[in-house]
Amino acid sequence: MDYQDGSECSCSLCEVFAITDDDISKSPSRLRLRAAKEELHRAYTGQDVITDERENGLFEELVGLAKEDGLHDLRKMLEHLWES
């Protein structure tokens, strides 16, 4: 799979970032998106432990940034993942 951030992870969160039709590299919030994604990724892969409250906060941040930057495909996929 061709990952936009160059990673080779196949966790559901990384997959969302990899398959989105949006060009995250041109997003004004790309660094904040990456930081929130990485924190969630570390939790999902057992490298870190976060609370459910923190997980929800990170998803809120990701969805909000995607919406703010017009990354509609990414926003929709993140919302779907968050609900699952």
C-alpha atoms as a PDB file:
ATOM      1  CA  MET A   1       0.000   0.000   0.000  1.00  0.00           C
ATOM      2  CA  ASP A   2       1.266   3.489  -0.810  1.00  0.00           C
ATOM      3  CA  TYR A   3       1.362   5.452   2.440  1.00  0.00           C
ATOM      4  CA  GLN A   4       1.461   9.239   2.139  1.00  0.00           C
ATOM      5  CA  ASP A   5       3.697   9.540   5.167  1.00  0.00           C
ATOM      6  CA  GLY A   6       6.116   6.836   4.050  1.00  0.00           C
ATOM      7  CA  SER A   7       5.183   4.405   6.813  1.00  0.00           C
ATOM      8  CA  GLU A   8       4.517   0.734   6.280  1.00  0.00           C
ATOM      9  CA  CYS A   9       1.967   0.254   9.072  1.00  0.00           C
ATOM     10  CA  SER A  10      -1.339  -1.345   8.212  1.00  0.00           C
ATOM     11  CA  CYS A  11      -3.318  -0.375  11.330  1.00  0.00           C
ATOM     12  CA  SER A  12      -6.737   1.085  10.563  1.00  0.00           C
ATOM     13  CA  LEU A  13      -5.689   4.640  11.409  1.00  0.00           C
ATOM     14  CA  CYS A  14      -2.584   4.557   9.210  1.00  0.00           C
ATOM     15  CA  GLU A  15      -4.642   2.977   6.450  1.00  0.00           C
ATOM     16  CA  VAL A  16      -7.095   5.903   6.546  1.00  0.00           C
ATOM     17  CA  PHE A  17      -4.234   8.356   6.108  1.00  0.00           C
ATOM     18  CA  ALA A  18      -2.737   6.214   3.349  1.00  0.00           C
ATOM     19  CA  ILE A  19      -5.831   5.800   1.203  1.00  0.00           C
ATOM     20  CA  THR A  20      -7.419   9.229   1.497  1.00  0.00           C
ATOM     21  CA  ASP A  21      -7.948  11.096  -1.754  1.00  0.00           C
ATOM     22  CA  ASP A  22      -6.923  14.316  -0.005  1.00  0.00           C
ATOM     23  CA  ASP A  23      -3.380  15.667  -0.342  1.00  0.00           C
ATOM     24  CA  ILE A  24      -2.363  16.026   3.272  1.00  0.00           C
ATOM     25  CA  SER A  25       1.094  17.307   2.309  1.00  0.00           C
ATOM     26  CA  LYS A  26      -0.485  20.642   1.317  1.00  0.00           C
ATOM     27  CA  SER A  27      -2.608  20.945   4.453  1.00  0.00           C
ATOM     28  CA  PRO A  28      -1.785  23.963   6.653  1.00  0.00           C
ATOM     29  CA  SER A  29      -2.363  21.706   9.676  1.00  0.00           C
ATOM     30  CA  ARG A  30      -0.313  18.754   8.414  1.00  0.00           C
ATOM     31  CA  LEU A  31       2.096  18.821  11.367  1.00  0.00           C
ATOM     32  CA  ARG A  32      -0.739  18.863  13.910  1.00  0.00           C
ATOM     33  CA  LEU A  33      -2.542  16.117  11.973  1.00  0.00           C
ATOM     34  CA  ARG A  34       0.597  13.991  11.995  1.00  0.00           C
ATOM     35  CA  ALA A  35       1.219  14.547  15.715  1.00  0.00           C
ATOM     36  CA  ALA A  36      -2.331  13.511  16.677  1.00  0.00           C
ATOM     37  CA  LYS A  37      -2.212  10.546  14.291  1.00  0.00           C
ATOM     38  CA  GLU A  38       1.120   9.392  15.727  1.00  0.00           C
ATOM     39  CA  GLU A  39      -0.154   9.570  19.307  1.00  0.00           C
ATOM     40  CA  LEU A  40      -3.188   7.451  18.393  1.00  0.00           C
ATOM     41  CA  HIS A  41      -1.008   5.085  16.357  1.00  0.00           C
ATOM     42  CA  ARG A  42       1.311   4.491  19.324  1.00  0.00           C
ATOM     43  CA  ALA A  43      -1.705   3.699  21.501  1.00  0.00           C
ATOM     44  CA  TYR A  44      -3.246   1.356  18.924  1.00  0.00           C
ATOM     45  CA  THR A  45       0.011  -0.532  18.454  1.00  0.00           C
ATOM     46  CA  GLY A  46       0.634  -0.922  22.196  1.00  0.00           C
ATOM     47  CA  GLN A  47       3.558   1.486  22.390  1.00  0.00           C
ATOM     48  CA  ASP A  48       1.635   3.927  24.627  1.00  0.00           C
ATOM     49  CA  VAL A  49      -1.440   3.866  26.802  1.00  0.00           C
ATOM     50  CA  ILE A  50      -4.045   6.632  26.602  1.00  0.00           C
ATOM     51  CA  THR A  51      -7.427   7.092  28.229  1.00  0.00           C
ATOM     52  CA  ASP A  52     -10.684   6.844  26.310  1.00  0.00           C
ATOM     53  CA  GLU A  53     -11.115  10.556  26.959  1.00  0.00           C
ATOM     54  CA  ARG A  54      -7.741  11.291  25.348  1.00  0.00           C
ATOM     55  CA  GLU A  55      -8.562   9.030  22.395  1.00  0.00           C
ATOM     56  CA  ASN A  56     -11.820  10.902  21.819  1.00  0.00           C
ATOM     57  CA  GLY A  57     -10.012  14.224  22.140  1.00  0.00           C
ATOM     58  CA  LEU A  58      -7.459  13.206  19.523  1.00  0.00           C
ATOM     59  CA  PHE A  59     -10.198  12.098  17.135  1.00  0.00           C
ATOM     60  CA  GLU A  60     -12.034  15.387  17.710  1.00  0.00           C
ATOM     61  CA  GLU A  61      -8.818  17.233  16.897  1.00  0.00           C
ATOM     62  CA  LEU A  62      -8.154  15.181  13.751  1.00  0.00           C
ATOM     63  CA  VAL A  63     -11.708  15.572  12.453  1.00  0.00           C
ATOM     64  CA  GLY A  64     -11.706  19.295  13.262  1.00  0.00           C
ATOM     65  CA  LEU A  65      -8.387  19.919  11.524  1.00  0.00           C
ATOM     66  CA  ALA A  66      -9.452  17.911   8.485  1.00  0.00           C
ATOM     67  CA  LYS A  67     -12.677  19.917   8.271  1.00  0.00           C
ATOM     68  CA  GLU A  68     -10.836  23.220   8.756  1.00  0.00           C
ATOM     69  CA  ASP A  69      -8.374  22.382   5.969  1.00  0.00           C
ATOM     70  CA  GLY A  70     -11.029  21.129   3.544  1.00  0.00           C
ATOM     71  CA  LEU A  71      -9.840  17.512   3.707  1.00  0.00           C
ATOM     72  CA  HIS A  72     -13.341  16.118   3.199  1.00  0.00           C
ATOM     73  CA  ASP A  73     -12.398  12.533   2.340  1.00  0.00           C
ATOM     74  CA  LEU A  74     -10.052  12.262   5.321  1.00  0.00           C
ATOM     75  CA  ARG A  75     -12.680  13.793   7.612  1.00  0.00           C
ATOM     76  CA  LYS A  76     -15.344  11.305   6.515  1.00  0.00           C
ATOM     77  CA  MET A  77     -13.033   8.311   6.953  1.00  0.00           C
ATOM     78  CA  LEU A  78     -11.858   9.505  10.372  1.00  0.00           C
ATOM     79  CA  GLU A  79     -15.456   9.986  11.510  1.00  0.00           C
ATOM     80  CA  HIS A  80     -16.298   6.462  10.339  1.00  0.00           C
ATOM     81  CA  LEU A  81     -13.274   5.003  12.143  1.00  0.00           C
ATOM     82  CA  TRP A  82     -14.100   6.967  15.302  1.00  0.00           C
ATOM     83  CA  GLU A  83     -17.643   5.583  15.325  1.00  0.00           C
ATOM     84  CA  SER A  84     -16.455   1.992  14.973  1.00  0.00           C
END
